C-alpha atoms as a PDB file:
ATOM      1  CA  MET A   1      16.211 -10.497 -30.420  1.00  0.00           C
ATOM      2  CA  THR A   2      14.239 -11.132 -27.231  1.00  0.00           C
ATOM      3  CA  LEU A   3      14.764  -8.954 -24.190  1.00  0.00           C
ATOM      4  CA  THR A   4      14.248 -10.693 -20.871  1.00  0.00           C
ATOM      5  CA  ILE A   5      13.860  -8.643 -17.714  1.00  0.00           C
ATOM      6  CA  ASN A   6      14.224 -10.163 -14.289  1.00  0.00           C
ATOM      7  CA  ILE A   7      12.041  -7.832 -12.236  1.00  0.00           C
ATOM      8  CA  GLU A   8      13.110  -9.291  -8.888  1.00  0.00           C
ATOM      9  CA  ALA A   9      16.814  -8.906  -9.709  1.00  0.00           C
ATOM     10  CA  GLU A  10      16.225  -5.372 -10.956  1.00  0.00           C
ATOM     11  CA  ALA A  11      14.325  -4.482  -7.754  1.00  0.00           C
ATOM     12  CA  ALA A  12      17.100  -5.979  -5.602  1.00  0.00           C
ATOM     13  CA  THR A  13      19.722  -3.974  -7.503  1.00  0.00           C
ATOM     14  CA  ARG A  14      17.676  -0.791  -7.101  1.00  0.00           C
ATOM     15  CA  GLU A  15      17.272  -1.413  -3.348  1.00  0.00           C
ATOM     16  CA  ALA A  16      21.009  -2.050  -2.950  1.00  0.00           C
ATOM     17  CA  ASN A  17      21.760   1.156  -4.870  1.00  0.00           C
ATOM     18  CA  ASN A  18      19.343   3.140  -2.670  1.00  0.00           C
ATOM     19  CA  ALA A  19      20.837   1.647   0.501  1.00  0.00           C
ATOM     20  CA  ALA A  20      24.363   2.590  -0.615  1.00  0.00           C
ATOM     21  CA  LEU A  21      23.314   6.149  -1.423  1.00  0.00           C
ATOM     22  CA  ILE A  22      21.457   6.529   1.895  1.00  0.00           C
ATOM     23  CA  ALA A  23      24.511   5.189   3.751  1.00  0.00           C
ATOM     24  CA  ALA A  24      26.639   7.790   1.979  1.00  0.00           C
ATOM     25  CA  LEU A  25      24.207  10.478   3.162  1.00  0.00           C
ATOM     26  CA  ASP A  26      24.724   9.212   6.732  1.00  0.00           C
ATOM     27  CA  GLU A  27      28.489   9.695   6.502  1.00  0.00           C
ATOM     28  CA  SER A  28      28.217  13.436   6.084  1.00  0.00           C
ATOM     29  CA  SER A  29      27.694  16.202   8.572  1.00  0.00           C
ATOM     30  CA  PRO A  30      24.071  17.357   8.640  1.00  0.00           C
ATOM     31  CA  GLY A  31      24.704  20.996   7.706  1.00  0.00           C
ATOM     32  CA  ALA A  32      26.909  20.706   4.630  1.00  0.00           C
ATOM     33  CA  VAL A  33      25.477  19.936   1.218  1.00  0.00           C
ATOM     34  CA  GLU A  34      28.420  20.638  -1.061  1.00  0.00           C
ATOM     35  CA  SER A  35      30.402  17.784  -2.543  1.00  0.00           C
ATOM     36  CA  SER A  36      34.161  17.586  -2.366  1.00  0.00           C
ATOM     37  CA  TRP A  37      34.197  18.140  -6.139  1.00  0.00           C
ATOM     38  CA  VAL A  38      33.050  21.025  -8.325  1.00  0.00           C
ATOM     39  CA  LEU A  39      29.839  19.760  -9.903  1.00  0.00           C
ATOM     40  CA  ASP A  40      27.548  21.225 -12.506  1.00  0.00           C
ATOM     41  CA  VAL A  41      23.871  20.284 -12.286  1.00  0.00           C
ATOM     42  CA  ILE A  42      21.950  20.386 -15.557  1.00  0.00           C
ATOM     43  CA  ASN A  43      18.198  20.027 -15.990  1.00  0.00           C
ATOM     44  CA  ASP A  44      17.661  17.737 -18.982  1.00  0.00           C
ATOM     45  CA  ALA A  45      13.945  18.568 -19.270  1.00  0.00           C
ATOM     46  CA  GLU A  46      13.572  16.617 -22.520  1.00  0.00           C
ATOM     47  CA  ARG A  47      14.437  13.366 -20.722  1.00  0.00           C
ATOM     48  CA  GLY A  48      13.037  14.350 -17.306  1.00  0.00           C
ATOM     49  CA  ARG A  49      16.210  14.260 -15.263  1.00  0.00           C
ATOM     50  CA  TRP A  50      18.686  16.478 -13.495  1.00  0.00           C
ATOM     51  CA  ILE A  51      22.258  15.423 -14.210  1.00  0.00           C
ATOM     52  CA  ALA A  52      25.317  16.095 -12.048  1.00  0.00           C
ATOM     53  CA  THR A  53      28.466  16.344 -14.143  1.00  0.00           C
ATOM     54  CA  LEU A  54      32.116  16.429 -13.240  1.00  0.00           C
ATOM     55  CA  GLY A  55      33.736  18.066 -16.229  1.00  0.00           C
ATOM     56  CA  ALA A  56      32.179  16.421 -19.276  1.00  0.00           C
ATOM     57  CA  GLU A  57      31.259  13.217 -17.432  1.00  0.00           C
ATOM     58  CA  ALA A  58      27.749  12.573 -16.057  1.00  0.00           C
ATOM     59  CA  ILE A  59      28.236  10.989 -12.635  1.00  0.00           C
ATOM     60  CA  ALA A  60      24.728  11.194 -11.138  1.00  0.00           C
ATOM     61  CA  GLU A  61      21.127  11.835 -12.034  1.00  0.00           C
ATOM     62  CA  LEU A  62      17.749  12.341 -10.439  1.00  0.00           C
ATOM     63  CA  SER A  63      14.819  11.504 -12.713  1.00  0.00           C
ATOM     64  CA  TYR A  64      11.461  13.273 -12.463  1.00  0.00           C
ATOM     65  CA  ARG A  65       8.085  13.874 -14.069  1.00  0.00           C
ATOM     66  CA  PHE A  66       5.788  16.890 -13.873  1.00  0.00           C
ATOM     67  CA  VAL A  67       2.237  16.158 -12.757  1.00  0.00           C
ATOM     68  CA  GLY A  68       0.157  19.313 -12.549  1.00  0.00           C
ATOM     69  CA  LEU A  69       1.920  21.744 -10.228  1.00  0.00           C
ATOM     70  CA  ARG A  70       4.047  18.988  -8.703  1.00  0.00           C
ATOM     71  CA  VAL A  71       7.431  17.531  -9.497  1.00  0.00           C
ATOM     72  CA  VAL A  72       7.464  13.775  -8.906  1.00  0.00           C
ATOM     73  CA  LEU A  73      11.020  12.760  -7.915  1.00  0.00           C
ATOM     74  CA  LEU A  74      11.438   9.185  -9.134  1.00  0.00           C
ATOM     75  CA  THR A  75      14.969   7.796  -8.746  1.00  0.00           C
ATOM     76  CA  THR A  76      18.476   8.891  -7.857  1.00  0.00           C
ATOM     77  CA  TRP A  77      21.551   7.230  -9.335  1.00  0.00           C
ATOM     78  CA  VAL A  78      25.212   7.954  -8.594  1.00  0.00           C
ATOM     79  CA  ASP A  79      28.114   6.276 -10.385  1.00  0.00           C
ATOM     80  CA  PRO A  80      29.627   3.894  -7.803  1.00  0.00           C
ATOM     81  CA  ALA A  81      33.078   5.439  -8.376  1.00  0.00           C
ATOM     82  CA  ALA A  82      31.685   8.850  -7.376  1.00  0.00           C
ATOM     83  CA  ARG A  83      29.967   7.783  -4.160  1.00  0.00           C
ATOM     84  CA  HIS A  84      31.115   9.056  -0.752  1.00  0.00           C
ATOM     85  CA  ASN A  85      31.916  12.476  -2.222  1.00  0.00           C
ATOM     86  CA  ARG A  86      28.557  14.105  -1.366  1.00  0.00           C
ATOM     87  CA  VAL A  87      27.437  13.935  -5.009  1.00  0.00           C
ATOM     88  CA  ALA A  88      23.883  12.740  -4.200  1.00  0.00           C
ATOM     89  CA  THR A  89      23.622  15.292  -1.415  1.00  0.00           C
ATOM     90  CA  GLU A  90      24.609  18.195  -3.645  1.00  0.00           C
ATOM     91  CA  LEU A  91      22.454  16.997  -6.547  1.00  0.00           C
ATOM     92  CA  ILE A  92      19.338  16.628  -4.387  1.00  0.00           C
ATOM     93  CA  ALA A  93      19.901  19.990  -2.643  1.00  0.00           C
ATOM     94  CA  HIS A  94      20.290  21.704  -6.017  1.00  0.00           C
ATOM     95  CA  VAL A  95      17.120  20.078  -7.362  1.00  0.00           C
ATOM     96  CA  LEU A  96      15.088  21.002  -4.277  1.00  0.00           C
ATOM     97  CA  ASP A  97      16.351  24.595  -4.389  1.00  0.00           C
ATOM     98  CA  GLU A  98      15.345  24.806  -8.056  1.00  0.00           C
ATOM     99  CA  VAL A  99      11.905  23.367  -7.304  1.00  0.00           C
ATOM    100  CA  ARG A 100      11.474  25.884  -4.463  1.00  0.00           C
ATOM    101  CA  GLU A 101      12.300  28.758  -6.842  1.00  0.00           C
ATOM    102  CA  SER A 102       9.658  27.495  -9.283  1.00  0.00           C
ATOM    103  CA  GLY A 103       6.952  27.518  -6.590  1.00  0.00           C
ATOM    104  CA  LYS A 104       6.070  23.866  -7.204  1.00  0.00           C
ATOM    105  CA  LYS A 105       5.623  21.087  -4.638  1.00  0.00           C
ATOM    106  CA  ILE A 106       7.196  17.630  -4.749  1.00  0.00           C
ATOM    107  CA  THR A 107       5.976  14.069  -4.581  1.00  0.00           C
ATOM    108  CA  ILE A 108       8.736  11.725  -3.459  1.00  0.00           C
ATOM    109  CA  ILE A 109       8.991   8.243  -4.910  1.00  0.00           C
ATOM    110  CA  CYS A 110      12.785   7.991  -4.459  1.00  0.00           C
ATOM    111  CA  PRO A 111      13.733   6.883  -0.911  1.00  0.00           C
ATOM    112  CA  VAL A 112      17.122   8.611  -1.241  1.00  0.00           C
ATOM    113  CA  VAL A 113      15.372  11.984  -1.597  1.00  0.00           C
ATOM    114  CA  GLY A 114      13.175  11.100   1.390  1.00  0.00           C
ATOM    115  CA  ALA A 115      16.237  10.265   3.492  1.00  0.00           C
ATOM    116  CA  PHE A 116      17.896  13.528   2.423  1.00  0.00           C
ATOM    117  CA  ILE A 117      14.867  15.571   3.501  1.00  0.00           C
ATOM    118  CA  ALA A 118      14.794  13.735   6.832  1.00  0.00           C
ATOM    119  CA  ARG A 119      18.342  15.042   7.405  1.00  0.00           C
ATOM    120  CA  HIS A 120      17.515  18.516   6.034  1.00  0.00           C
ATOM    121  CA  PRO A 121      14.066  19.457   7.381  1.00  0.00           C
ATOM    122  CA  GLU A 122      14.311  22.920   5.808  1.00  0.00           C
ATOM    123  CA  TYR A 123      12.949  21.195   2.673  1.00  0.00           C
ATOM    124  CA  LEU A 124       9.885  19.633   4.360  1.00  0.00           C
ATOM    125  CA  ASP A 125       7.667  22.489   3.151  1.00  0.00           C
ATOM    126  CA  LEU A 126       8.203  21.351  -0.448  1.00  0.00           C
ATOM    127  CA  ILE A 127       6.400  18.035   0.076  1.00  0.00           C
ATOM    128  CA  ASP A 128       2.884  18.072  -1.348  1.00  0.00           C
ATOM    129  CA  ARG A 129       0.558  17.269   1.559  1.00  0.00           C
ATOM    130  CA  VAL A 130      -2.060  15.625  -0.675  1.00  0.00           C
ATOM    131  CA  HIS A 131       0.460  13.525  -2.641  1.00  0.00           C
ATOM    132  CA  PRO A 132       3.621  13.141  -0.522  1.00  0.00           C
ATOM    133  CA  GLY A 133       4.662   9.941  -2.334  1.00  0.00           C
ATOM    134  CA  SER A 134       5.801   6.549  -1.140  1.00  0.00           C
ATOM    135  CA  GLY A 135       9.360   7.797  -0.521  1.00  0.00           C
ATOM    136  CA  ALA A 136       8.339  10.789   1.612  1.00  0.00           C
ATOM    137  CA  TYR A 137      10.091  10.883   4.951  1.00  0.00           C
ATOM    138  CA  PRO A 138       8.839  11.513   7.478  1.00  0.00           C
ATOM    139  CA  GLN A 139       5.588  10.019   6.329  1.00  0.00           C
ATOM    140  CA  HIS A 140       2.708  12.459   5.957  1.00  0.00           C
ATOM    141  CA  GLU A 141      -0.957  11.619   6.146  1.00  0.00           C
ATOM    142  CA  PRO A 142      -2.621  12.200   2.764  1.00  0.00           C
ATOM    143  CA  ALA A 143      -5.418  14.740   2.692  1.00  0.00           C
ATOM    144  CA  LYS A 144      -8.910  13.297   2.829  1.00  0.00           C
ATOM    145  CA  GLY A 145     -10.922  13.093  -0.346  1.00  0.00           C
ATOM    146  CA  ASN A 146     -11.217  11.135  -3.559  1.00  0.00           C
ATOM    147  CA  HIS A 147      -8.102  11.524  -5.683  1.00  0.00           C
ATOM    148  CA  ASP A 148      -8.827   8.911  -8.359  1.00  0.00           C
ATOM    149  CA  GLU A 149      -8.631  11.531 -11.113  1.00  0.00           C
ATOM    150  CA  ASP A 150      -5.190  12.681  -9.891  1.00  0.00           C
ATOM    151  CA  ILE A 151      -3.945   9.089  -9.843  1.00  0.00           C
ATOM    152  CA  ALA A 152      -5.270   8.479 -13.362  1.00  0.00           C
ATOM    153  CA  THR A 153      -3.526  11.663 -14.570  1.00  0.00           C
ATOM    154  CA  PHE A 154      -0.269  10.560 -12.963  1.00  0.00           C
ATOM    155  CA  GLU A 155      -0.470   7.095 -14.530  1.00  0.00           C
ATOM    156  CA  ARG A 156      -1.209   8.582 -17.972  1.00  0.00           C
ATOM    157  CA  ASP A 157       1.770  10.921 -17.566  1.00  0.00           C
ATOM    158  CA  LEU A 158       4.123   8.029 -16.783  1.00  0.00           C
ATOM    159  CA  ALA A 159       2.857   5.919 -19.690  1.00  0.00           C
END
């Protein structure tokens, strides 16, 4: 069996998913982070993801990797049937609160997390100033210096 991946179609799907989630963030009032449902958020450390569940059903996830003292937030996914119920908002807030408690910093790859932080600046202090990530919003200037070793470590970790 041969598996064929259409990278352009996959990227377009991911961008459409991110746009839908960011639009759902826009629909909500800036101060509230709780969904209209009672969600449980579980850290599945073995698979590197936080999962939002409604009862026994997983309806959203935010994937991550640890790199040194940072948590790299990779992608957010919400079941289309669960969108517009503040699920992404509550999941991201829970994750960021947990990261804050751990004393770690974040690197943002996921644009949905970046958009959330733009709407909730109380989380800006969590962004690693040296490695803010491509999804960081607002954009931060990286610290000066040679960080080739950090990049190599990150790439090895993702492999």
